[in-house]
Amino acid sequence: MPVPIPTSAEHLLEALQWRYATKVFDPNRAIPAETWSALEQCLVLSPSSYGLQPWRFLVVSNDAIRKELRPHSWNQSQITDASHLVVLLGKRTIETADLDRLIAATSEARGLPRAALSTYREMMHTNLVLGKQQANLEAWIEKQVYIALGTLMTGAAVMGVDTCPIEGFEPAEYDRVLKLESTPYRSAVVCALGYRSATDPNAGLAKVRYPASELISHI
């Protein structure tokens, strides 16, 4: 695999300074297919604890479904006006089948016998299926989903695509509308992506961040 050409520090920081939680999207401007394909790969390539990937990503393109979701999203216009809407789903639980799936995929990708990964599997099983993490599994899975959200938003900023992460929605209603209630997945967080409208008053607001000297310590 070739070494990627690094982006400049200046470009990265400019992109992160430029992005904001877009409140008003231009409904007439769509993300190009090539750009969207790259952003989907940002989701696929997101890291997760153990590499377990306890998620799925539902891209809602159907206008009627997006209109149905909007009342369950505090009536936020981003739901219907953004070019793309992604509902990031988390697994409801972690089962032994999930561990076996990862072990099989790792064995195939790295050319290792599954027996060589037995200790790793046992560690996951002890912690997630039998251990103390089991009592806090929903929160643990949601943390993984938010890693994917951050990866998506950062990738979008670098590519000049606006985003708005949305927690202001009713997960149970989303699960109903999206027919997730009988599946292993549930709605965790939503992200609207597209291009800001010239009428969005938030676009010109100064970014409010505490200084690095108050947030970062070196020991």
N, C-alpha and C. Protein backbone atom coordinates (compact mmCIF):
# COMPACT_ATOMS: atom_id res chain seq x y z
N MET A 1 0.86 -1.20 0.00
CA MET A 1 0.00 0.00 0.00
C MET A 1 0.88 1.24 0.00
N PRO A 2 0.67 2.17 -0.94
CA PRO A 2 1.51 3.36 -0.99
C PRO A 2 1.28 4.25 0.21
N VAL A 3 2.33 4.98 0.60
CA VAL A 3 2.21 5.93 1.71
C VAL A 3 1.39 7.13 1.23
N PRO A 4 0.34 7.50 1.96
CA PRO A 4 -0.48 8.62 1.51
C PRO A 4 0.28 9.94 1.56
N ILE A 5 -0.06 10.82 0.64
CA ILE A 5 0.54 12.15 0.64
C ILE A 5 -0.11 12.95 1.76
N PRO A 6 0.65 13.40 2.73
CA PRO A 6 0.02 14.10 3.86
C PRO A 6 -0.49 15.47 3.45
N THR A 7 -1.64 15.84 4.02
CA THR A 7 -2.12 17.19 3.82
C THR A 7 -1.28 18.13 4.66
N SER A 8 -1.21 19.37 4.30
CA SER A 8 -0.41 20.32 5.08
C SER A 8 -1.13 20.64 6.38
N ALA A 9 -0.34 21.00 7.39
CA ALA A 9 -0.93 21.41 8.66
C ALA A 9 -1.84 22.61 8.44
N GLU A 10 -1.43 23.51 7.53
CA GLU A 10 -2.23 24.70 7.27
C GLU A 10 -3.59 24.32 6.68
N HIS A 11 -3.59 23.40 5.72
CA HIS A 11 -4.85 23.02 5.09
C HIS A 11 -5.78 22.33 6.09
N LEU A 12 -5.23 21.45 6.91
CA LEU A 12 -6.05 20.75 7.89
C LEU A 12 -6.71 21.73 8.85
N LEU A 13 -5.92 22.66 9.39
CA LEU A 13 -6.47 23.59 10.36
C LEU A 13 -7.44 24.58 9.72
N GLU A 14 -7.18 24.97 8.47
CA GLU A 14 -8.12 25.83 7.76
C GLU A 14 -9.48 25.12 7.60
N ALA A 15 -9.43 23.83 7.28
CA ALA A 15 -10.67 23.07 7.10
C ALA A 15 -11.45 22.98 8.41
N LEU A 16 -10.75 22.75 9.51
CA LEU A 16 -11.42 22.62 10.79
C LEU A 16 -11.93 23.97 11.30
N GLN A 17 -11.21 25.05 10.96
CA GLN A 17 -11.71 26.38 11.30
C GLN A 17 -12.94 26.73 10.47
N TRP A 18 -12.96 26.26 9.22
CA TRP A 18 -14.05 26.58 8.29
C TRP A 18 -15.35 25.89 8.65
N ARG A 19 -15.27 24.65 9.14
CA ARG A 19 -16.47 23.87 9.41
C ARG A 19 -17.21 24.43 10.62
N TYR A 20 -18.50 24.23 10.61
CA TYR A 20 -19.35 24.57 11.74
C TYR A 20 -20.59 23.70 11.61
N ALA A 21 -21.41 23.68 12.65
CA ALA A 21 -22.63 22.88 12.59
C ALA A 21 -23.64 23.64 11.72
N THR A 22 -23.72 23.27 10.47
CA THR A 22 -24.52 23.99 9.49
C THR A 22 -26.00 23.87 9.82
N LYS A 23 -26.65 25.02 9.94
CA LYS A 23 -28.07 25.03 10.31
C LYS A 23 -28.99 25.15 9.10
N VAL A 24 -28.49 25.78 8.03
CA VAL A 24 -29.30 25.96 6.83
C VAL A 24 -28.50 25.48 5.63
N PHE A 25 -28.98 24.41 5.00
CA PHE A 25 -28.31 23.87 3.83
C PHE A 25 -28.95 24.40 2.56
N ASP A 26 -28.17 24.43 1.49
CA ASP A 26 -28.70 24.77 0.18
C ASP A 26 -29.35 23.52 -0.40
N PRO A 27 -30.69 23.47 -0.49
CA PRO A 27 -31.37 22.26 -0.95
C PRO A 27 -31.17 21.96 -2.43
N ASN A 28 -30.61 22.92 -3.16
CA ASN A 28 -30.42 22.75 -4.60
C ASN A 28 -29.00 22.34 -4.97
N ARG A 29 -28.17 22.13 -3.98
CA ARG A 29 -26.78 21.77 -4.26
C ARG A 29 -26.48 20.39 -3.69
N ALA A 30 -26.13 19.47 -4.56
CA ALA A 30 -25.88 18.08 -4.15
C ALA A 30 -24.39 17.79 -4.08
N ILE A 31 -24.03 16.89 -3.20
CA ILE A 31 -22.64 16.43 -3.12
C ILE A 31 -22.35 15.56 -4.34
N PRO A 32 -21.27 15.83 -5.09
CA PRO A 32 -20.94 15.01 -6.26
C PRO A 32 -20.73 13.55 -5.87
N ALA A 33 -21.05 12.65 -6.79
CA ALA A 33 -20.98 11.21 -6.52
C ALA A 33 -19.58 10.79 -6.08
N GLU A 34 -18.55 11.31 -6.71
CA GLU A 34 -17.18 10.91 -6.35
C GLU A 34 -16.84 11.34 -4.93
N THR A 35 -17.26 12.55 -4.58
CA THR A 35 -17.02 13.04 -3.22
C THR A 35 -17.78 12.20 -2.21
N TRP A 36 -19.03 11.89 -2.52
CA TRP A 36 -19.82 11.09 -1.58
C TRP A 36 -19.23 9.69 -1.40
N SER A 37 -18.74 9.12 -2.48
CA SER A 37 -18.12 7.80 -2.39
C SER A 37 -16.94 7.82 -1.42
N ALA A 38 -16.14 8.88 -1.47
CA ALA A 38 -15.01 9.01 -0.55
C ALA A 38 -15.48 9.15 0.88
N LEU A 39 -16.57 9.90 1.08
CA LEU A 39 -17.08 10.07 2.44
C LEU A 39 -17.65 8.77 3.00
N GLU A 40 -18.25 7.97 2.15
CA GLU A 40 -18.71 6.65 2.61
C GLU A 40 -17.51 5.81 3.05
N GLN A 41 -16.41 5.93 2.34
CA GLN A 41 -15.22 5.18 2.72
C GLN A 41 -14.64 5.70 4.03
N CYS A 42 -14.85 6.99 4.33
CA CYS A 42 -14.45 7.50 5.65
C CYS A 42 -15.17 6.72 6.75
N LEU A 43 -16.44 6.44 6.53
CA LEU A 43 -17.20 5.65 7.51
C LEU A 43 -16.64 4.24 7.60
N VAL A 44 -16.41 3.62 6.44
CA VAL A 44 -15.90 2.24 6.41
C VAL A 44 -14.56 2.14 7.12
N LEU A 45 -13.72 3.16 6.95
CA LEU A 45 -12.35 3.12 7.49
C LEU A 45 -12.25 3.64 8.91
N SER A 46 -13.37 4.00 9.52
CA SER A 46 -13.34 4.51 10.89
C SER A 46 -12.80 3.46 11.86
N PRO A 47 -11.98 3.87 12.80
CA PRO A 47 -11.48 2.94 13.81
C PRO A 47 -12.54 2.63 14.86
N SER A 48 -12.37 1.51 15.54
CA SER A 48 -13.26 1.15 16.64
C SER A 48 -12.48 0.27 17.61
N SER A 49 -12.94 0.23 18.84
CA SER A 49 -12.29 -0.60 19.86
C SER A 49 -12.32 -2.06 19.43
N TYR A 50 -11.19 -2.73 19.55
CA TYR A 50 -10.98 -4.11 19.11
C TYR A 50 -11.11 -4.26 17.58
N GLY A 51 -11.40 -3.17 16.88
CA GLY A 51 -11.69 -3.28 15.46
C GLY A 51 -13.04 -3.94 15.20
N LEU A 52 -13.93 -3.89 16.19
CA LEU A 52 -15.16 -4.68 16.15
C LEU A 52 -16.24 -4.11 15.23
N GLN A 53 -16.21 -2.78 15.01
CA GLN A 53 -17.15 -2.14 14.08
C GLN A 53 -18.62 -2.47 14.39
N PRO A 54 -19.08 -2.12 15.59
CA PRO A 54 -20.45 -2.49 15.98
C PRO A 54 -21.48 -1.50 15.47
N TRP A 55 -21.51 -1.31 14.17
CA TRP A 55 -22.33 -0.26 13.59
C TRP A 55 -22.79 -0.61 12.19
N ARG A 56 -23.73 0.19 11.71
CA ARG A 56 -24.08 0.27 10.30
C ARG A 56 -24.44 1.72 10.03
N PHE A 57 -24.40 2.11 8.76
CA PHE A 57 -24.65 3.50 8.40
C PHE A 57 -25.75 3.53 7.35
N LEU A 58 -26.86 4.16 7.69
CA LEU A 58 -28.02 4.18 6.82
C LEU A 58 -28.09 5.54 6.12
N VAL A 59 -27.87 5.54 4.81
CA VAL A 59 -27.97 6.76 4.01
C VAL A 59 -29.42 6.87 3.53
N VAL A 60 -30.09 7.89 4.01
CA VAL A 60 -31.52 8.05 3.71
C VAL A 60 -31.66 8.99 2.51
N SER A 61 -31.95 8.42 1.36
CA SER A 61 -32.09 9.20 0.12
C SER A 61 -33.55 9.44 -0.25
N ASN A 62 -34.44 8.64 0.30
CA ASN A 62 -35.86 8.73 -0.04
C ASN A 62 -36.46 10.00 0.57
N ASP A 63 -36.95 10.90 -0.29
CA ASP A 63 -37.47 12.18 0.18
C ASP A 63 -38.67 12.01 1.11
N ALA A 64 -39.52 11.04 0.80
CA ALA A 64 -40.71 10.83 1.63
C ALA A 64 -40.31 10.39 3.04
N ILE A 65 -39.31 9.53 3.14
CA ILE A 65 -38.85 9.08 4.46
C ILE A 65 -38.21 10.24 5.21
N ARG A 66 -37.45 11.06 4.52
CA ARG A 66 -36.83 12.21 5.19
C ARG A 66 -37.89 13.18 5.71
N LYS A 67 -38.94 13.38 4.95
CA LYS A 67 -40.03 14.23 5.41
C LYS A 67 -40.72 13.63 6.64
N GLU A 68 -40.82 12.31 6.66
CA GLU A 68 -41.44 11.64 7.80
C GLU A 68 -40.56 11.74 9.04
N LEU A 69 -39.24 11.76 8.84
CA LEU A 69 -38.32 11.85 9.97
C LEU A 69 -38.25 13.25 10.56
N ARG A 70 -38.51 14.24 9.74
CA ARG A 70 -38.30 15.64 10.19
C ARG A 70 -39.09 16.00 11.45
N PRO A 71 -40.37 15.65 11.58
CA PRO A 71 -41.09 15.99 12.82
C PRO A 71 -40.49 15.32 14.06
N HIS A 72 -39.77 14.22 13.86
CA HIS A 72 -39.14 13.51 14.97
C HIS A 72 -37.71 13.97 15.19
N SER A 73 -37.39 15.12 14.56
CA SER A 73 -36.04 15.69 14.64
C SER A 73 -36.12 17.16 15.03
N TRP A 74 -37.09 17.47 15.89
CA TRP A 74 -37.32 18.84 16.34
C TRP A 74 -37.62 19.75 15.13
N ASN A 75 -38.13 19.17 14.07
CA ASN A 75 -38.48 19.89 12.85
C ASN A 75 -37.29 20.65 12.26
N GLN A 76 -36.12 20.12 12.41
CA GLN A 76 -34.92 20.79 11.88
C GLN A 76 -34.86 20.64 10.36
N SER A 77 -34.63 21.76 9.68
CA SER A 77 -34.65 21.77 8.22
C SER A 77 -33.53 20.96 7.59
N GLN A 78 -32.45 20.74 8.33
CA GLN A 78 -31.34 19.97 7.78
C GLN A 78 -31.77 18.57 7.33
N ILE A 79 -32.77 18.03 8.01
CA ILE A 79 -33.20 16.66 7.72
C ILE A 79 -33.67 16.52 6.28
N THR A 80 -34.38 17.53 5.80
CA THR A 80 -34.92 17.46 4.43
C THR A 80 -34.11 18.25 3.42
N ASP A 81 -33.35 19.26 3.86
CA ASP A 81 -32.68 20.16 2.91
C ASP A 81 -31.25 19.77 2.58
N ALA A 82 -30.59 19.04 3.46
CA ALA A 82 -29.20 18.67 3.19
C ALA A 82 -29.13 17.71 2.00
N SER A 83 -28.01 17.72 1.33
CA SER A 83 -27.82 16.82 0.19
C SER A 83 -27.95 15.36 0.61
N HIS A 84 -27.29 15.01 1.72
CA HIS A 84 -27.30 13.63 2.20
C HIS A 84 -27.61 13.59 3.70
N LEU A 85 -28.30 12.55 4.09
CA LEU A 85 -28.62 12.33 5.50
C LEU A 85 -28.17 10.92 5.88
N VAL A 86 -27.36 10.84 6.93
CA VAL A 86 -26.86 9.55 7.39
C VAL A 86 -27.35 9.32 8.82
N VAL A 87 -27.98 8.19 9.04
CA VAL A 87 -28.33 7.77 10.39
C VAL A 87 -27.31 6.71 10.79
N LEU A 88 -26.52 7.02 11.80
CA LEU A 88 -25.49 6.10 12.26
C LEU A 88 -26.12 5.17 13.29
N LEU A 89 -26.06 3.90 13.03
CA LEU A 89 -26.70 2.89 13.86
C LEU A 89 -25.68 2.15 14.70
N GLY A 90 -26.05 1.85 15.92
CA GLY A 90 -25.21 1.04 16.79
C GLY A 90 -25.87 -0.31 17.05
N LYS A 91 -25.08 -1.34 17.25
CA LYS A 91 -25.65 -2.64 17.59
C LYS A 91 -26.33 -2.56 18.95
N ARG A 92 -27.37 -3.33 19.10
CA ARG A 92 -28.09 -3.36 20.37
C ARG A 92 -27.30 -4.13 21.43
N THR A 93 -26.52 -5.08 20.99
CA THR A 93 -25.70 -5.87 21.91
C THR A 93 -24.54 -6.47 21.14
N ILE A 94 -23.61 -7.06 21.84
CA ILE A 94 -22.48 -7.77 21.22
C ILE A 94 -22.63 -9.25 21.57
N GLU A 95 -22.63 -10.09 20.55
CA GLU A 95 -22.79 -11.52 20.75
C GLU A 95 -21.56 -12.26 20.25
N THR A 96 -21.48 -13.54 20.58
CA THR A 96 -20.33 -14.33 20.15
C THR A 96 -20.21 -14.36 18.63
N ALA A 97 -21.34 -14.28 17.93
CA ALA A 97 -21.30 -14.27 16.46
C ALA A 97 -20.56 -13.05 15.93
N ASP A 98 -20.65 -11.92 16.64
CA ASP A 98 -19.94 -10.71 16.23
C ASP A 98 -18.43 -10.91 16.37
N LEU A 99 -18.03 -11.57 17.43
CA LEU A 99 -16.60 -11.85 17.63
C LEU A 99 -16.10 -12.79 16.56
N ASP A 100 -16.87 -13.82 16.26
CA ASP A 100 -16.46 -14.80 15.24
C ASP A 100 -16.36 -14.16 13.86
N ARG A 101 -17.25 -13.22 13.59
CA ARG A 101 -17.20 -12.53 12.30
C ARG A 101 -15.89 -11.75 12.17
N LEU A 102 -15.50 -11.04 13.24
CA LEU A 102 -14.26 -10.28 13.20
C LEU A 102 -13.04 -11.19 13.09
N ILE A 103 -13.06 -12.28 13.82
CA ILE A 103 -11.94 -13.22 13.75
C ILE A 103 -11.81 -13.79 12.35
N ALA A 104 -12.92 -14.14 11.74
CA ALA A 104 -12.89 -14.68 10.37
C ALA A 104 -12.35 -13.64 9.38
N ALA A 105 -12.80 -12.40 9.52
CA ALA A 105 -12.35 -11.33 8.62
C ALA A 105 -10.86 -11.05 8.81
N THR A 106 -10.41 -11.06 10.06
CA THR A 106 -9.00 -10.82 10.35
C THR A 106 -8.13 -11.95 9.80
N SER A 107 -8.59 -13.17 9.98
CA SER A 107 -7.87 -14.34 9.47
C SER A 107 -7.69 -14.24 7.96
N GLU A 108 -8.77 -13.86 7.28
CA GLU A 108 -8.70 -13.77 5.81
C GLU A 108 -7.83 -12.61 5.36
N ALA A 109 -7.98 -11.44 6.00
CA ALA A 109 -7.25 -10.25 5.57
C ALA A 109 -5.75 -10.37 5.82
N ARG A 110 -5.37 -11.05 6.88
CA ARG A 110 -3.97 -11.10 7.29
C ARG A 110 -3.31 -12.45 7.07
N GLY A 111 -4.07 -13.39 6.51
CA GLY A 111 -3.50 -14.69 6.22
C GLY A 111 -3.07 -15.46 7.45
N LEU A 112 -3.87 -15.34 8.52
CA LEU A 112 -3.55 -16.02 9.77
C LEU A 112 -4.55 -17.14 10.03
N PRO A 113 -4.11 -18.24 10.62
CA PRO A 113 -5.08 -19.26 11.03
C PRO A 113 -5.92 -18.72 12.19
N ARG A 114 -7.17 -19.11 12.22
CA ARG A 114 -8.05 -18.59 13.27
C ARG A 114 -7.55 -18.98 14.66
N ALA A 115 -6.89 -20.11 14.74
CA ALA A 115 -6.37 -20.54 16.05
C ALA A 115 -5.38 -19.54 16.61
N ALA A 116 -4.66 -18.84 15.72
CA ALA A 116 -3.68 -17.86 16.17
C ALA A 116 -4.34 -16.64 16.80
N LEU A 117 -5.64 -16.49 16.58
CA LEU A 117 -6.38 -15.33 17.10
C LEU A 117 -7.26 -15.70 18.29
N SER A 118 -7.10 -16.91 18.80
CA SER A 118 -7.98 -17.39 19.87
C SER A 118 -7.83 -16.57 21.15
N THR A 119 -6.62 -16.16 21.48
CA THR A 119 -6.42 -15.36 22.69
C THR A 119 -7.12 -14.01 22.56
N TYR A 120 -7.04 -13.42 21.37
CA TYR A 120 -7.69 -12.14 21.12
C TYR A 120 -9.21 -12.29 21.24
N ARG A 121 -9.73 -13.37 20.67
CA ARG A 121 -11.16 -13.61 20.75
C ARG A 121 -11.60 -13.78 22.20
N GLU A 122 -10.82 -14.52 22.97
CA GLU A 122 -11.17 -14.77 24.36
C GLU A 122 -11.16 -13.47 25.17
N MET A 123 -10.22 -12.58 24.85
CA MET A 123 -10.16 -11.29 25.54
C MET A 123 -11.44 -10.48 25.27
N MET A 124 -11.87 -10.45 24.01
CA MET A 124 -13.10 -9.74 23.67
C MET A 124 -14.30 -10.39 24.35
N HIS A 125 -14.34 -11.71 24.32
CA HIS A 125 -15.47 -12.44 24.91
C HIS A 125 -15.55 -12.18 26.41
N THR A 126 -14.41 -12.20 27.08
CA THR A 126 -14.38 -11.98 28.53
C THR A 126 -14.85 -10.57 28.88
N ASN A 127 -14.44 -9.60 28.09
CA ASN A 127 -14.75 -8.21 28.40
C ASN A 127 -16.16 -7.80 27.97
N LEU A 128 -16.54 -8.16 26.75
CA LEU A 128 -17.78 -7.64 26.18
C LEU A 128 -19.00 -8.54 26.38
N VAL A 129 -18.77 -9.84 26.41
CA VAL A 129 -19.90 -10.77 26.52
C VAL A 129 -20.10 -11.22 27.97
N LEU A 130 -19.02 -11.46 28.67
CA LEU A 130 -19.13 -11.96 30.03
C LEU A 130 -18.76 -10.93 31.10
N GLY A 131 -17.91 -9.98 30.75
CA GLY A 131 -17.28 -9.13 31.75
C GLY A 131 -18.03 -7.88 32.13
N LYS A 132 -17.30 -6.97 32.79
CA LYS A 132 -17.90 -5.76 33.36
C LYS A 132 -18.44 -4.82 32.28
N GLN A 133 -17.89 -4.90 31.08
CA GLN A 133 -18.36 -4.02 30.01
C GLN A 133 -19.79 -4.35 29.60
N GLN A 134 -20.22 -5.58 29.87
CA GLN A 134 -21.55 -6.02 29.48
C GLN A 134 -22.63 -5.13 30.10
N ALA A 135 -22.42 -4.68 31.33
CA ALA A 135 -23.41 -3.86 32.00
C ALA A 135 -23.49 -2.46 31.41
N ASN A 136 -22.46 -2.07 30.68
CA ASN A 136 -22.38 -0.72 30.13
C ASN A 136 -22.29 -0.75 28.61
N LEU A 137 -22.81 -1.84 28.03
CA LEU A 137 -22.56 -2.11 26.61
C LEU A 137 -23.19 -1.07 25.69
N GLU A 138 -24.38 -0.60 26.01
CA GLU A 138 -25.03 0.38 25.13
C GLU A 138 -24.19 1.65 25.02
N ALA A 139 -23.67 2.13 26.16
CA ALA A 139 -22.83 3.33 26.14
C ALA A 139 -21.52 3.06 25.41
N TRP A 140 -20.95 1.86 25.60
CA TRP A 140 -19.69 1.50 24.93
C TRP A 140 -19.89 1.50 23.41
N ILE A 141 -20.98 0.92 22.95
CA ILE A 141 -21.24 0.87 21.51
C ILE A 141 -21.46 2.28 20.97
N GLU A 142 -22.18 3.10 21.70
CA GLU A 142 -22.43 4.46 21.25
C GLU A 142 -21.13 5.25 21.12
N LYS A 143 -20.19 5.00 22.01
CA LYS A 143 -18.87 5.66 21.89
C LYS A 143 -18.20 5.29 20.58
N GLN A 144 -18.33 4.05 20.19
CA GLN A 144 -17.72 3.62 18.92
C GLN A 144 -18.38 4.33 17.75
N VAL A 145 -19.71 4.46 17.79
CA VAL A 145 -20.43 5.13 16.72
C VAL A 145 -19.99 6.59 16.60
N TYR A 146 -19.73 7.23 17.73
CA TYR A 146 -19.31 8.62 17.69
C TYR A 146 -17.91 8.78 17.13
N ILE A 147 -17.07 7.76 17.26
CA ILE A 147 -15.77 7.80 16.58
C ILE A 147 -15.98 7.87 15.08
N ALA A 148 -16.92 7.06 14.57
CA ALA A 148 -17.23 7.09 13.14
C ALA A 148 -17.80 8.44 12.73
N LEU A 149 -18.63 9.03 13.57
CA LEU A 149 -19.18 10.35 13.28
C LEU A 149 -18.07 11.38 13.15
N GLY A 150 -17.11 11.35 14.07
CA GLY A 150 -15.99 12.29 14.02
C GLY A 150 -15.14 12.10 12.78
N THR A 151 -14.92 10.84 12.39
CA THR A 151 -14.15 10.56 11.18
C THR A 151 -14.85 11.11 9.96
N LEU A 152 -16.16 10.90 9.89
CA LEU A 152 -16.95 11.40 8.76
C LEU A 152 -16.90 12.93 8.70
N MET A 153 -17.08 13.59 9.81
CA MET A 153 -17.12 15.05 9.82
C MET A 153 -15.77 15.66 9.48
N THR A 154 -14.71 15.05 9.96
CA THR A 154 -13.37 15.57 9.64
C THR A 154 -13.07 15.38 8.16
N GLY A 155 -13.38 14.19 7.64
CA GLY A 155 -13.17 13.95 6.22
C GLY A 155 -13.97 14.92 5.38
N ALA A 156 -15.20 15.19 5.79
CA ALA A 156 -16.04 16.12 5.04
C ALA A 156 -15.45 17.52 5.04
N ALA A 157 -14.96 17.97 6.20
CA ALA A 157 -14.37 19.31 6.28
C ALA A 157 -13.17 19.45 5.36
N VAL A 158 -12.33 18.43 5.33
CA VAL A 158 -11.15 18.46 4.47
C VAL A 158 -11.55 18.54 3.00
N MET A 159 -12.70 17.94 2.66
CA MET A 159 -13.17 17.93 1.28
C MET A 159 -14.11 19.10 0.96
N GLY A 160 -14.28 20.01 1.92
CA GLY A 160 -15.11 21.18 1.67
C GLY A 160 -16.60 20.90 1.70
N VAL A 161 -17.01 19.87 2.44
CA VAL A 161 -18.43 19.52 2.57
C VAL A 161 -18.90 19.91 3.96
N ASP A 162 -20.02 20.56 4.04
CA ASP A 162 -20.58 20.97 5.33
C ASP A 162 -21.30 19.82 6.01
N THR A 163 -21.32 19.87 7.33
CA THR A 163 -22.00 18.83 8.11
C THR A 163 -22.74 19.46 9.29
N CYS A 164 -23.70 18.71 9.77
CA CYS A 164 -24.36 19.05 11.03
C CYS A 164 -24.67 17.76 11.78
N PRO A 165 -23.96 17.50 12.88
CA PRO A 165 -24.31 16.33 13.69
C PRO A 165 -25.60 16.64 14.45
N ILE A 166 -26.49 15.66 14.51
CA ILE A 166 -27.81 15.90 15.10
C ILE A 166 -28.10 14.86 16.18
N GLU A 167 -28.19 15.35 17.42
CA GLU A 167 -28.66 14.52 18.52
C GLU A 167 -30.10 14.85 18.88
N GLY A 168 -30.59 15.96 18.34
CA GLY A 168 -31.96 16.38 18.62
C GLY A 168 -32.96 15.62 17.77
N PHE A 169 -33.15 14.35 18.11
CA PHE A 169 -34.12 13.52 17.41
C PHE A 169 -34.63 12.46 18.37
N GLU A 170 -35.71 11.81 17.98
CA GLU A 170 -36.32 10.78 18.83
C GLU A 170 -35.91 9.41 18.31
N PRO A 171 -34.95 8.76 18.95
CA PRO A 171 -34.44 7.48 18.44
C PRO A 171 -35.52 6.42 18.25
N ALA A 172 -36.46 6.34 19.16
CA ALA A 172 -37.50 5.31 19.04
C ALA A 172 -38.35 5.54 17.80
N GLU A 173 -38.65 6.80 17.50
CA GLU A 173 -39.44 7.11 16.31
C GLU A 173 -38.63 6.86 15.03
N TYR A 174 -37.36 7.18 15.07
CA TYR A 174 -36.50 6.86 13.92
C TYR A 174 -36.48 5.36 13.69
N ASP A 175 -36.33 4.59 14.76
CA ASP A 175 -36.31 3.13 14.61
C ASP A 175 -37.61 2.62 14.00
N ARG A 176 -38.71 3.25 14.38
CA ARG A 176 -40.01 2.84 13.82
C ARG A 176 -40.10 3.18 12.34
N VAL A 177 -39.79 4.43 12.00
CA VAL A 177 -39.90 4.87 10.61
C VAL A 177 -38.95 4.09 9.71
N LEU A 178 -37.75 3.83 10.20
CA LEU A 178 -36.73 3.15 9.40
C LEU A 178 -36.82 1.63 9.50
N LYS A 179 -37.82 1.15 10.22
CA LYS A 179 -38.08 -0.29 10.37
C LYS A 179 -36.86 -1.03 10.96
N LEU A 180 -36.36 -0.47 12.04
CA LEU A 180 -35.20 -1.04 12.71
C LEU A 180 -35.57 -1.82 13.97
N GLU A 181 -36.84 -1.75 14.36
CA GLU A 181 -37.22 -2.27 15.68
C GLU A 181 -36.94 -3.76 15.85
N SER A 182 -37.01 -4.52 14.79
CA SER A 182 -36.78 -5.97 14.90
C SER A 182 -35.39 -6.36 14.37
N THR A 183 -34.51 -5.38 14.22
CA THR A 183 -33.16 -5.65 13.72
C THR A 183 -32.16 -5.57 14.86
N PRO A 184 -30.92 -5.99 14.63
CA PRO A 184 -29.90 -5.89 15.68
C PRO A 184 -29.37 -4.48 15.89
N TYR A 185 -29.90 -3.49 15.15
CA TYR A 185 -29.35 -2.14 15.19
C TYR A 185 -30.39 -1.12 15.65
N ARG A 186 -29.90 -0.02 16.22
CA ARG A 186 -30.76 1.07 16.66
C ARG A 186 -30.14 2.40 16.25
N SER A 187 -30.96 3.41 16.13
CA SER A 187 -30.47 4.74 15.77
C SER A 187 -29.67 5.34 16.92
N ALA A 188 -28.46 5.82 16.62
CA ALA A 188 -27.61 6.39 17.66
C ALA A 188 -27.40 7.89 17.49
N VAL A 189 -27.09 8.33 16.28
CA VAL A 189 -26.87 9.74 16.01
C VAL A 189 -27.08 9.97 14.52
N VAL A 190 -27.35 11.21 14.16
CA VAL A 190 -27.66 11.55 12.77
C VAL A 190 -26.67 12.59 12.28
N CYS A 191 -26.34 12.54 11.00
CA CYS A 191 -25.47 13.57 10.43
C CYS A 191 -26.01 14.00 9.07
N ALA A 192 -26.26 15.31 8.92
CA ALA A 192 -26.66 15.88 7.64
C ALA A 192 -25.42 16.42 6.95
N LEU A 193 -25.32 16.22 5.64
CA LEU A 193 -24.15 16.67 4.88
C LEU A 193 -24.59 17.35 3.59
N GLY A 194 -23.89 18.37 3.22
CA GLY A 194 -24.20 19.09 1.98
C GLY A 194 -23.39 20.36 1.92
N TYR A 195 -24.05 21.44 1.49
CA TYR A 195 -23.37 22.72 1.35
C TYR A 195 -24.23 23.81 1.98
N ARG A 196 -23.58 24.67 2.73
CA ARG A 196 -24.28 25.72 3.46
C ARG A 196 -25.02 26.68 2.53
N SER A 197 -26.14 27.17 3.02
CA SER A 197 -26.89 28.18 2.29
C SER A 197 -26.30 29.55 2.60
N ALA A 198 -26.36 30.45 1.63
CA ALA A 198 -25.89 31.82 1.83
C ALA A 198 -26.72 32.54 2.89
N THR A 199 -27.90 31.99 3.20
CA THR A 199 -28.79 32.62 4.18
C THR A 199 -28.56 32.13 5.61
N ASP A 200 -27.63 31.18 5.79
CA ASP A 200 -27.41 30.64 7.14
C ASP A 200 -26.69 31.67 7.99
N PRO A 201 -27.35 32.24 8.99
CA PRO A 201 -26.70 33.28 9.81
C PRO A 201 -25.55 32.75 10.66
N ASN A 202 -25.52 31.45 10.87
CA ASN A 202 -24.46 30.89 11.71
C ASN A 202 -23.12 30.77 10.98
N ALA A 203 -23.17 30.86 9.65
CA ALA A 203 -21.94 30.65 8.87
C ALA A 203 -20.87 31.68 9.21
N GLY A 204 -21.28 32.89 9.54
CA GLY A 204 -20.30 33.95 9.79
C GLY A 204 -19.94 34.15 11.25
N LEU A 205 -20.49 33.32 12.13
CA LEU A 205 -20.21 33.50 13.56
C LEU A 205 -18.79 33.05 13.90
N ALA A 206 -18.18 33.76 14.82
CA ALA A 206 -16.84 33.39 15.27
C ALA A 206 -16.89 32.04 15.98
N LYS A 207 -15.89 31.21 15.74
CA LYS A 207 -15.81 29.91 16.42
C LYS A 207 -15.40 30.13 17.87
N VAL A 208 -16.09 29.50 18.78
CA VAL A 208 -15.79 29.66 20.21
C VAL A 208 -15.09 28.40 20.71
N ARG A 209 -13.82 28.51 20.99
CA ARG A 209 -13.04 27.40 21.53
C ARG A 209 -12.13 27.94 22.63
N TYR A 210 -11.99 27.18 23.70
CA TYR A 210 -11.05 27.57 24.74
C TYR A 210 -9.63 27.42 24.22
N PRO A 211 -8.69 28.21 24.71
CA PRO A 211 -7.32 28.14 24.19
C PRO A 211 -6.65 26.82 24.53
N ALA A 212 -5.70 26.44 23.67
CA ALA A 212 -4.99 25.18 23.88
C ALA A 212 -4.32 25.13 25.23
N SER A 213 -3.88 26.29 25.71
CA SER A 213 -3.18 26.33 27.00
C SER A 213 -4.07 25.89 28.16
N GLU A 214 -5.40 26.01 27.97
CA GLU A 214 -6.33 25.58 29.01
C GLU A 214 -6.82 24.15 28.82
N LEU A 215 -6.59 23.60 27.62
CA LEU A 215 -7.12 22.27 27.30
C LEU A 215 -6.07 21.18 27.23
N ILE A 216 -4.84 21.57 26.93
CA ILE A 216 -3.79 20.57 26.69
C ILE A 216 -2.68 20.75 27.72
N SER A 217 -2.33 19.66 28.36
CA SER A 217 -1.23 19.65 29.32
C SER A 217 -0.14 18.71 28.84
N HIS A 218 1.09 19.01 29.16
CA HIS A 218 2.23 18.16 28.82
C HIS A 218 2.93 17.75 30.11
N ILE A 219 3.14 16.47 30.28
CA ILE A 219 3.81 16.00 31.51
C ILE A 219 5.03 15.14 31.13
